[in-house]
PDB file of N, CA and C in Angstrom:
ATOM      1  N   MET A   1       4.015  19.322   8.686  1.00  0.00           N
ATOM      2  CA  MET A   1       4.701  18.205   8.825  1.00  0.00           C
ATOM      3  C   MET A   1       3.956  16.798   9.149  1.00  0.00           C
ATOM      4  N   ALA A   2       2.717  17.087   9.556  1.00  0.00           N
ATOM      5  CA  ALA A   2       1.804  16.076   9.790  1.00  0.00           C
ATOM      6  C   ALA A   2       1.575  15.117   8.497  1.00  0.00           C
ATOM      7  N   GLU A   3       1.322  16.162   7.513  1.00  0.00           N
ATOM      8  CA  GLU A   3       0.972  15.521   6.232  1.00  0.00           C
ATOM      9  C   GLU A   3       2.046  14.564   5.637  1.00  0.00           C
ATOM     10  N   ALA A   4       3.487  15.084   5.695  1.00  0.00           N
ATOM     11  CA  ALA A   4       4.328  14.324   5.287  1.00  0.00           C
ATOM     12  C   ALA A   4       4.652  13.341   6.235  1.00  0.00           C
ATOM     13  N   ALA A   5       4.466  12.975   7.289  1.00  0.00           N
ATOM     14  CA  ALA A   5       4.413  11.865   8.253  1.00  0.00           C
ATOM     15  C   ALA A   5       3.513  10.941   7.934  1.00  0.00           C
ATOM     16  N   PHE A   6       2.402  11.446   7.713  1.00  0.00           N
ATOM     17  CA  PHE A   6       1.376  10.367   7.192  1.00  0.00           C
ATOM     18  C   PHE A   6       1.541   9.826   5.750  1.00  0.00           C
ATOM     19  N   ALA A   7       2.071  10.559   4.958  1.00  0.00           N
ATOM     20  CA  ALA A   7       2.449  10.150   3.754  1.00  0.00           C
ATOM     21  C   ALA A   7       3.616   9.100   3.773  1.00  0.00           C
ATOM     22  N   ALA A   8       4.751   9.338   4.559  1.00  0.00           N
ATOM     23  CA  ALA A   8       5.567   8.263   4.780  1.00  0.00           C
ATOM     24  C   ALA A   8       5.112   6.919   5.080  1.00  0.00           C
ATOM     25  N   VAL A   9       3.657   6.987   5.943  1.00  0.00           N
ATOM     26  CA  VAL A   9       3.350   5.681   6.344  1.00  0.00           C
ATOM     27  C   VAL A   9       2.548   5.336   5.184  1.00  0.00           C
ATOM     28  N   VAL A  10       1.947   6.123   4.393  1.00  0.00           N
ATOM     29  CA  VAL A  10       1.341   5.584   3.180  1.00  0.00           C
ATOM     30  C   VAL A  10       2.126   4.959   1.941  1.00  0.00           C
ATOM     31  N   ARG A  11       3.538   5.545   1.873  1.00  0.00           N
ATOM     32  CA  ARG A  11       4.359   4.953   1.111  1.00  0.00           C
ATOM     33  C   ARG A  11       5.060   3.547   1.348  1.00  0.00           C
ATOM     34  N   TYR A  12       5.464   3.326   2.924  1.00  0.00           N
ATOM     35  CA  TYR A  12       5.531   2.457   3.618  1.00  0.00           C
ATOM     36  C   TYR A  12       5.009   1.137   3.256  1.00  0.00           C
ATOM     37  N   ASN A  13       3.489   1.374   3.174  1.00  0.00           N
ATOM     38  CA  ASN A  13       2.675   0.373   3.329  1.00  0.00           C
ATOM     39  C   ASN A  13       2.319   0.036   1.498  1.00  0.00           C
ATOM     40  N   GLU A  14       2.706   0.983   0.718  1.00  0.00           N
ATOM     41  CA  GLU A  14       2.687   0.738  -0.695  1.00  0.00           C
ATOM     42  C   GLU A  14       3.600  -0.529  -1.113  1.00  0.00           C
ATOM     43  N   ARG A  15       4.357  -0.988  -0.424  1.00  0.00           N
ATOM     44  CA  ARG A  15       5.502  -2.036  -0.527  1.00  0.00           C
ATOM     45  C   ARG A  15       4.825  -3.310  -0.647  1.00  0.00           C
ATOM     46  N   ASP A  16       3.375  -3.333  -0.398  1.00  0.00           N
ATOM     47  CA  ASP A  16       2.405  -4.651  -0.353  1.00  0.00           C
ATOM     48  C   ASP A  16       1.742  -4.361  -1.410  1.00  0.00           C
ATOM     49  N   PRO A  17       1.910  -5.073  -2.142  1.00  0.00           N
ATOM     50  CA  PRO A  17       1.045  -4.880  -3.634  1.00  0.00           C
ATOM     51  C   PRO A  17      -0.557  -5.234  -3.512  1.00  0.00           C
ATOM     52  N   ALA A  18      -1.019  -5.281  -2.240  1.00  0.00           N
ATOM     53  CA  ALA A  18      -2.499  -5.805  -1.832  1.00  0.00           C
ATOM     54  C   ALA A  18      -2.910  -4.450  -1.399  1.00  0.00           C
ATOM     55  N   PHE A  19      -2.004  -3.072  -0.915  1.00  0.00           N
ATOM     56  CA  PHE A  19      -2.569  -2.513  -0.001  1.00  0.00           C
ATOM     57  C   PHE A  19      -3.097  -1.375  -0.996  1.00  0.00           C
ATOM     58  N   ASP A  20      -4.364  -0.635  -0.523  1.00  0.00           N
ATOM     59  CA  ASP A  20      -5.143   0.354  -1.458  1.00  0.00           C
ATOM     60  C   ASP A  20      -4.981   1.555  -0.411  1.00  0.00           C
ATOM     61  N   PRO A  21      -4.239   2.658  -0.726  1.00  0.00           N
ATOM     62  CA  PRO A  21      -4.064   3.694   0.144  1.00  0.00           C
ATOM     63  C   PRO A  21      -5.301   4.410   0.606  1.00  0.00           C
ATOM     64  N   ALA A  22      -6.479   4.038  -0.284  1.00  0.00           N
ATOM     65  CA  ALA A  22      -7.845   4.789   0.042  1.00  0.00           C
ATOM     66  C   ALA A  22      -8.183   4.216   1.550  1.00  0.00           C
ATOM     67  N   THR A  23      -7.715   3.200   1.917  1.00  0.00           N
ATOM     68  CA  THR A  23      -8.186   2.265   3.031  1.00  0.00           C
ATOM     69  C   THR A  23      -7.571   2.591   4.331  1.00  0.00           C
ATOM     70  N   LEU A  24      -6.603   3.380   4.096  1.00  0.00           N
ATOM     71  CA  LEU A  24      -5.422   4.194   5.218  1.00  0.00           C
ATOM     72  C   LEU A  24      -6.081   5.365   5.805  1.00  0.00           C
ATOM     73  N   ARG A  25      -6.966   5.389   6.826  1.00  0.00           N
ATOM     74  CA  ARG A  25      -7.057   6.817   7.524  1.00  0.00           C
ATOM     75  C   ARG A  25      -6.221   7.324   8.675  1.00  0.00           C
ATOM     76  N   ARG A  26      -6.065   8.370   8.376  1.00  0.00           N
ATOM     77  CA  ARG A  26      -5.038   9.101   9.218  1.00  0.00           C
ATOM     78  C   ARG A  26      -6.108   9.856  10.601  1.00  0.00           C
ATOM     79  N   ASP A  27      -5.658   8.825  11.529  1.00  0.00           N
ATOM     80  CA  ASP A  27      -6.332   9.345  12.955  1.00  0.00           C
ATOM     81  C   ASP A  27      -5.597  10.455  13.803  1.00  0.00           C
ATOM     82  N   ARG A  28      -4.291  10.192  13.902  1.00  0.00           N
ATOM     83  CA  ARG A  28      -3.612  11.438  14.424  1.00  0.00           C
ATOM     84  C   ARG A  28      -2.195  11.675  14.413  1.00  0.00           C
ATOM     85  N   VAL A  29      -1.655  12.732  14.264  1.00  0.00           N
ATOM     86  CA  VAL A  29      -0.143  12.513  14.185  1.00  0.00           C
ATOM     87  C   VAL A  29       0.499  13.347  15.114  1.00  0.00           C
ATOM     88  N   VAL A  30       1.294  13.171  16.008  1.00  0.00           N
ATOM     89  CA  VAL A  30       1.367  13.756  17.106  1.00  0.00           C
ATOM     90  C   VAL A  30       3.259  13.680  17.185  1.00  0.00           C
ATOM     91  N   PRO A  31       3.786  15.307  17.651  1.00  0.00           N
ATOM     92  CA  PRO A  31       5.131  14.906  17.800  1.00  0.00           C
ATOM     93  C   PRO A  31       5.563  14.079  19.206  1.00  0.00           C
ATOM     94  N   GLY A  32       6.889  13.221  18.659  1.00  0.00           N
ATOM     95  CA  GLY A  32       7.225  12.262  19.775  1.00  0.00           C
ATOM     96  C   GLY A  32       7.452  12.916  21.205  1.00  0.00           C
ATOM     97  N   PRO A  33       7.713  14.254  21.706  1.00  0.00           N
ATOM     98  CA  PRO A  33       7.692  14.465  22.781  1.00  0.00           C
ATOM     99  C   PRO A  33       6.530  14.956  23.675  1.00  0.00           C
ATOM    100  N   ASP A  34       5.377  15.190  22.841  1.00  0.00           N
ATOM    101  CA  ASP A  34       3.721  15.132  23.195  1.00  0.00           C
ATOM    102  C   ASP A  34       2.976  13.829  22.937  1.00  0.00           C
ATOM    103  N   ALA A  35       3.725  12.878  22.711  1.00  0.00           N
ATOM    104  CA  ALA A  35       2.830  11.573  22.499  1.00  0.00           C
ATOM    105  C   ALA A  35       2.568  10.577  23.577  1.00  0.00           C
ATOM    106  N   GLY A  36       3.086  11.294  24.832  1.00  0.00           N
ATOM    107  CA  GLY A  36       3.045  10.120  26.063  1.00  0.00           C
ATOM    108  C   GLY A  36       3.680   9.173  25.922  1.00  0.00           C
ATOM    109  N   PRO A  37       3.261   7.838  26.306  1.00  0.00           N
ATOM    110  CA  PRO A  37       3.746   6.751  26.359  1.00  0.00           C
ATOM    111  C   PRO A  37       4.255   6.307  25.347  1.00  0.00           C
ATOM    112  N   ARG A  38       3.573   6.471  24.044  1.00  0.00           N
ATOM    113  CA  ARG A  38       4.426   6.418  22.783  1.00  0.00           C
ATOM    114  C   ARG A  38       5.757   7.081  22.584  1.00  0.00           C
ATOM    115  N   GLY A  39       5.642   8.302  22.870  1.00  0.00           N
ATOM    116  CA  GLY A  39       6.973   9.205  22.759  1.00  0.00           C
ATOM    117  C   GLY A  39       8.048   8.747  23.622  1.00  0.00           C
ATOM    118  N   GLU A  40       7.792   8.224  24.914  1.00  0.00           N
ATOM    119  CA  GLU A  40       8.660   7.637  25.991  1.00  0.00           C
ATOM    120  C   GLU A  40       9.221   6.457  25.352  1.00  0.00           C
ATOM    121  N   GLN A  41       8.379   5.523  24.470  1.00  0.00           N
ATOM    122  CA  GLN A  41       8.713   4.411  23.829  1.00  0.00           C
ATOM    123  C   GLN A  41       9.823   4.692  23.061  1.00  0.00           C
ATOM    124  N   ALA A  42       9.602   5.913  22.154  1.00  0.00           N
ATOM    125  CA  ALA A  42      10.427   6.163  21.032  1.00  0.00           C
ATOM    126  C   ALA A  42      11.879   6.668  21.684  1.00  0.00           C
ATOM    127  N   ALA A  43      11.781   7.289  22.663  1.00  0.00           N
ATOM    128  CA  ALA A  43      13.065   7.899  23.326  1.00  0.00           C
ATOM    129  C   ALA A  43      13.658   6.662  23.871  1.00  0.00           C
ATOM    130  N   ALA A  44      13.143   5.816  24.528  1.00  0.00           N
ATOM    131  CA  ALA A  44      13.930   4.206  25.276  1.00  0.00           C
ATOM    132  C   ALA A  44      14.415   3.582  24.116  1.00  0.00           C
ATOM    133  N   GLU A  45      14.020   3.652  22.789  1.00  0.00           N
ATOM    134  CA  GLU A  45      14.422   2.789  21.815  1.00  0.00           C
ATOM    135  C   GLU A  45      15.459   3.450  20.874  1.00  0.00           C
ATOM    136  N   CYS A  46      15.548   4.836  20.658  1.00  0.00           N
ATOM    137  CA  CYS A  46      16.392   5.247  19.901  1.00  0.00           C
ATOM    138  C   CYS A  46      16.946   6.697  20.348  1.00  0.00           C
ATOM    139  N   GLY A  47      16.886   6.960  21.795  1.00  0.00           N
ATOM    140  CA  GLY A  47      17.543   8.049  22.369  1.00  0.00           C
ATOM    141  C   GLY A  47      16.718   9.490  21.975  1.00  0.00           C
ATOM    142  N   ALA A  48      16.909  10.070  22.907  1.00  0.00           N
ATOM    143  CA  ALA A  48      16.190  11.458  23.255  1.00  0.00           C
ATOM    144  C   ALA A  48      16.270  12.505  21.746  1.00  0.00           C
ATOM    145  N   ALA A  49      17.512  12.630  21.260  1.00  0.00           N
ATOM    146  CA  ALA A  49      17.569  13.155  20.050  1.00  0.00           C
ATOM    147  C   ALA A  49      16.747  13.123  19.169  1.00  0.00           C
ATOM    148  N   MET A  50      16.819  11.498  18.629  1.00  0.00           N
ATOM    149  CA  MET A  50      16.020  10.854  17.504  1.00  0.00           C
ATOM    150  C   MET A  50      14.436  11.115  17.974  1.00  0.00           C
ATOM    151  N   ALA A  51      13.916  10.952  19.214  1.00  0.00           N
ATOM    152  CA  ALA A  51      12.913  10.804  19.581  1.00  0.00           C
ATOM    153  C   ALA A  51      12.045  12.357  19.550  1.00  0.00           C
ATOM    154  N   ALA A  52      12.754  13.313  19.649  1.00  0.00           N
ATOM    155  CA  ALA A  52      12.629  14.529  19.474  1.00  0.00           C
ATOM    156  C   ALA A  52      12.314  15.255  18.438  1.00  0.00           C
ATOM    157  N   ARG A  53      12.769  14.278  17.249  1.00  0.00           N
ATOM    158  CA  ARG A  53      12.408  14.640  15.942  1.00  0.00           C
ATOM    159  C   ARG A  53      11.218  13.525  15.149  1.00  0.00           C
ATOM    160  N   THR A  54      10.658  12.769  16.210  1.00  0.00           N
ATOM    161  CA  THR A  54      10.037  11.709  15.721  1.00  0.00           C
ATOM    162  C   THR A  54       8.335  12.010  15.802  1.00  0.00           C
ATOM    163  N   PHE A  55       7.694  11.774  14.976  1.00  0.00           N
ATOM    164  CA  PHE A  55       6.041  11.755  15.228  1.00  0.00           C
ATOM    165  C   PHE A  55       5.563  10.336  14.920  1.00  0.00           C
ATOM    166  N   VAL A  56       4.605  10.348  15.956  1.00  0.00           N
ATOM    167  CA  VAL A  56       3.709   9.410  16.122  1.00  0.00           C
ATOM    168  C   VAL A  56       2.707   9.392  15.368  1.00  0.00           C
ATOM    169  N   VAL A  57       2.411   8.407  14.333  1.00  0.00           N
ATOM    170  CA  VAL A  57       1.445   8.420  13.143  1.00  0.00           C
ATOM    171  C   VAL A  57       0.537   7.257  13.546  1.00  0.00           C
ATOM    172  N   MET A  58      -0.846   7.529  14.058  1.00  0.00           N
ATOM    173  CA  MET A  58      -1.777   6.631  14.286  1.00  0.00           C
ATOM    174  C   MET A  58      -2.717   6.636  13.228  1.00  0.00           C
ATOM    175  N   THR A  59      -2.963   5.345  12.739  1.00  0.00           N
ATOM    176  CA  THR A  59      -3.860   5.222  11.486  1.00  0.00           C
ATOM    177  C   THR A  59      -4.981   3.924  12.002  1.00  0.00           C
ATOM    178  N   THR A  60      -5.888   4.089  10.907  1.00  0.00           N
ATOM    179  CA  THR A  60      -6.859   2.971  11.060  1.00  0.00           C
ATOM    180  C   THR A  60      -6.893   2.424   9.393  1.00  0.00           C
ATOM    181  N   ARG A  61      -6.912   1.242   9.238  1.00  0.00           N
ATOM    182  CA  ARG A  61      -7.142   0.504   8.030  1.00  0.00           C
ATOM    183  C   ARG A  61      -8.516  -0.102   7.972  1.00  0.00           C
ATOM    184  N   THR A  62      -9.351   0.978   7.261  1.00  0.00           N
ATOM    185  CA  THR A  62     -10.751   0.626   7.281  1.00  0.00           C
ATOM    186  C   THR A  62     -11.217  -0.538   6.618  1.00  0.00           C
ATOM    187  N   ASP A  63     -10.292  -1.183   5.645  1.00  0.00           N
ATOM    188  CA  ASP A  63     -10.817  -2.176   5.040  1.00  0.00           C
ATOM    189  C   ASP A  63     -10.787  -3.646   5.947  1.00  0.00           C
ATOM    190  N   LEU A  64     -10.042  -3.310   7.213  1.00  0.00           N
ATOM    191  CA  LEU A  64      -9.690  -4.572   8.282  1.00  0.00           C
ATOM    192  C   LEU A  64     -10.771  -4.180   9.246  1.00  0.00           C
ATOM    193  N   LEU A  65     -11.500  -3.141   9.383  1.00  0.00           N
ATOM    194  CA  LEU A  65     -12.696  -2.971  10.385  1.00  0.00           C
ATOM    195  C   LEU A  65     -13.870  -4.229   9.878  1.00  0.00           C
ATOM    196  N   PRO A  66     -14.488  -4.707  11.159  1.00  0.00           N
ATOM    197  CA  PRO A  66     -14.470  -4.200  12.447  1.00  0.00           C
ATOM    198  C   PRO A  66     -13.312  -4.508  13.376  1.00  0.00           C
ATOM    199  N   SER A  67     -12.550  -5.407  12.919  1.00  0.00           N
ATOM    200  CA  SER A  67     -11.563  -5.828  14.147  1.00  0.00           C
ATOM    201  C   SER A  67     -10.647  -4.256  14.429  1.00  0.00           C
ATOM    202  N   GLN A  68     -10.784  -4.380  15.777  1.00  0.00           N
ATOM    203  CA  GLN A  68      -9.958  -3.062  16.231  1.00  0.00           C
ATOM    204  C   GLN A  68      -8.354  -3.207  16.113  1.00  0.00           C
ATOM    205  N   SER A  69      -8.014  -4.414  16.696  1.00  0.00           N
ATOM    206  CA  SER A  69      -6.602  -4.553  16.740  1.00  0.00           C
ATOM    207  C   SER A  69      -5.840  -4.352  15.330  1.00  0.00           C
ATOM    208  N   ALA A  70      -6.660  -5.398  14.550  1.00  0.00           N
ATOM    209  CA  ALA A  70      -5.914  -5.632  13.282  1.00  0.00           C
ATOM    210  C   ALA A  70      -5.975  -4.130  12.528  1.00  0.00           C
ATOM    211  N   SER A  71      -7.017  -3.447  12.771  1.00  0.00           N
ATOM    212  CA  SER A  71      -7.209  -2.247  11.808  1.00  0.00           C
ATOM    213  C   SER A  71      -6.394  -0.939  12.003  1.00  0.00           C
ATOM    214  N   GLN A  72      -6.056  -1.064  13.648  1.00  0.00           N
ATOM    215  CA  GLN A  72      -5.224   0.100  14.048  1.00  0.00           C
ATOM    216  C   GLN A  72      -3.912   0.121  14.132  1.00  0.00           C
ATOM    217  N   GLY A  73      -3.105   0.991  13.711  1.00  0.00           N
ATOM    218  CA  GLY A  73      -1.695   1.113  13.338  1.00  0.00           C
ATOM    219  C   GLY A  73      -1.020   2.443  13.962  1.00  0.00           C
ATOM    220  N   VAL A  74       0.060   1.972  14.445  1.00  0.00           N
ATOM    221  CA  VAL A  74       1.075   2.932  15.178  1.00  0.00           C
ATOM    222  C   VAL A  74       2.591   3.207  14.576  1.00  0.00           C
ATOM    223  N   TRP A  75       2.892   4.094  14.372  1.00  0.00           N
ATOM    224  CA  TRP A  75       4.039   4.169  13.405  1.00  0.00           C
ATOM    225  C   TRP A  75       5.118   5.331  13.985  1.00  0.00           C
ATOM    226  N   PHE A  76       6.298   4.960  13.789  1.00  0.00           N
ATOM    227  CA  PHE A  76       7.200   5.892  14.432  1.00  0.00           C
ATOM    228  C   PHE A  76       7.760   6.545  12.983  1.00  0.00           C
ATOM    229  N   VAL A  77       7.747   8.122  12.753  1.00  0.00           N
ATOM    230  CA  VAL A  77       8.394   8.369  11.578  1.00  0.00           C
ATOM    231  C   VAL A  77       9.314   9.658  11.849  1.00  0.00           C
ATOM    232  N   SER A  78      10.469   9.554  11.250  1.00  0.00           N
ATOM    233  CA  SER A  78      11.146  10.819  11.268  1.00  0.00           C
ATOM    234  C   SER A  78      11.795  11.483  10.291  1.00  0.00           C
ATOM    235  N   ARG A  79      12.206  12.613  10.081  1.00  0.00           N
ATOM    236  CA  ARG A  79      12.805  12.992   8.967  1.00  0.00           C
ATOM    237  C   ARG A  79      14.268  12.576   8.672  1.00  0.00           C
ATOM    238  N   VAL A  80      14.888  12.123   7.754  1.00  0.00           N
ATOM    239  CA  VAL A  80      16.002  11.572   7.499  1.00  0.00           C
ATOM    240  C   VAL A  80      16.451  11.917   6.482  1.00  0.00           C
ATOM    241  N   GLU A  81      17.694  12.787   6.118  1.00  0.00           N
ATOM    242  CA  GLU A  81      18.556  13.393   4.846  1.00  0.00           C
ATOM    243  C   GLU A  81      17.228  13.871   4.050  1.00  0.00           C
ATOM    244  N   GLY A  82      16.335  14.809   4.967  1.00  0.00           N
ATOM    245  CA  GLY A  82      15.386  15.526   4.275  1.00  0.00           C
ATOM    246  C   GLY A  82      13.984  15.188   3.870  1.00  0.00           C
ATOM    247  N   ARG A  83      13.764  13.689   3.866  1.00  0.00           N
ATOM    248  CA  ARG A  83      12.598  13.432   3.510  1.00  0.00           C
ATOM    249  C   ARG A  83      11.931  12.331   5.100  1.00  0.00           C
ATOM    250  N   PHE A  84      10.841  12.336   5.214  1.00  0.00           N
ATOM    251  CA  PHE A  84      10.383  11.339   6.165  1.00  0.00           C
ATOM    252  C   PHE A  84      10.183  10.082   5.837  1.00  0.00           C
ATOM    253  N   VAL A  85      10.607   9.215   6.938  1.00  0.00           N
ATOM    254  CA  VAL A  85      10.659   7.760   6.827  1.00  0.00           C
ATOM    255  C   VAL A  85       9.964   7.163   7.875  1.00  0.00           C
ATOM    256  N   VAL A  86       9.462   5.892   7.771  1.00  0.00           N
ATOM    257  CA  VAL A  86       8.933   5.153   8.783  1.00  0.00           C
ATOM    258  C   VAL A  86      10.185   4.567   9.408  1.00  0.00           C
ATOM    259  N   TRP A  87      10.425   4.514  10.745  1.00  0.00           N
ATOM    260  CA  TRP A  87      11.468   3.710  11.222  1.00  0.00           C
ATOM    261  C   TRP A  87      11.011   2.860  12.146  1.00  0.00           C
ATOM    262  N   GLN A  88       9.819   2.541  12.200  1.00  0.00           N
ATOM    263  CA  GLN A  88       9.137   1.497  13.118  1.00  0.00           C
ATOM    264  C   GLN A  88       7.732   1.435  13.175  1.00  0.00           C
ATOM    265  N   GLN A  89       7.242   0.460  13.264  1.00  0.00           N
ATOM    266  CA  GLN A  89       5.636   0.010  12.933  1.00  0.00           C
ATOM    267  C   GLN A  89       5.499  -0.531  14.363  1.00  0.00           C
ATOM    268  N   VAL A  90       5.005   0.292  15.182  1.00  0.00           N
ATOM    269  CA  VAL A  90       4.676  -0.028  16.799  1.00  0.00           C
ATOM    270  C   VAL A  90       3.452  -1.183  17.144  1.00  0.00           C
ATOM    271  N   HIS A  91       2.428  -0.820  16.221  1.00  0.00           N
ATOM    272  CA  HIS A  91       1.403  -1.736  16.152  1.00  0.00           C
ATOM    273  C   HIS A  91       0.599  -1.604  14.888  1.00  0.00           C
TER     274      HIS A  91
END
C-alpha cells in the first residue's frame, strides 16, 4: 500500500509539466493513525473514518535541495473508489 500511496503523489505532481518524477524521493509512508500530529491533523480535517484510511506520505524533491522547506513534501493520500488519490498537500 505504501507504494500505491507514493505513486498517487507522483501522479499528482505530474500535472506540472516541469515536474521530473526522478527528482521525487519517497522518505516515509505512514498510516494516518500511526502518523502522530499529522494523523491527528487528518482526523481533525476529515473525520476519524477517513483518517483511518489515510496514509501520510513524506517526500523530498531532490532538485530543490539544499532548501529544506522547499524540498520537503507531506501529503494525505487515501483510497477512493479503488484507487489511491492525494486529497491534500500538507507541506
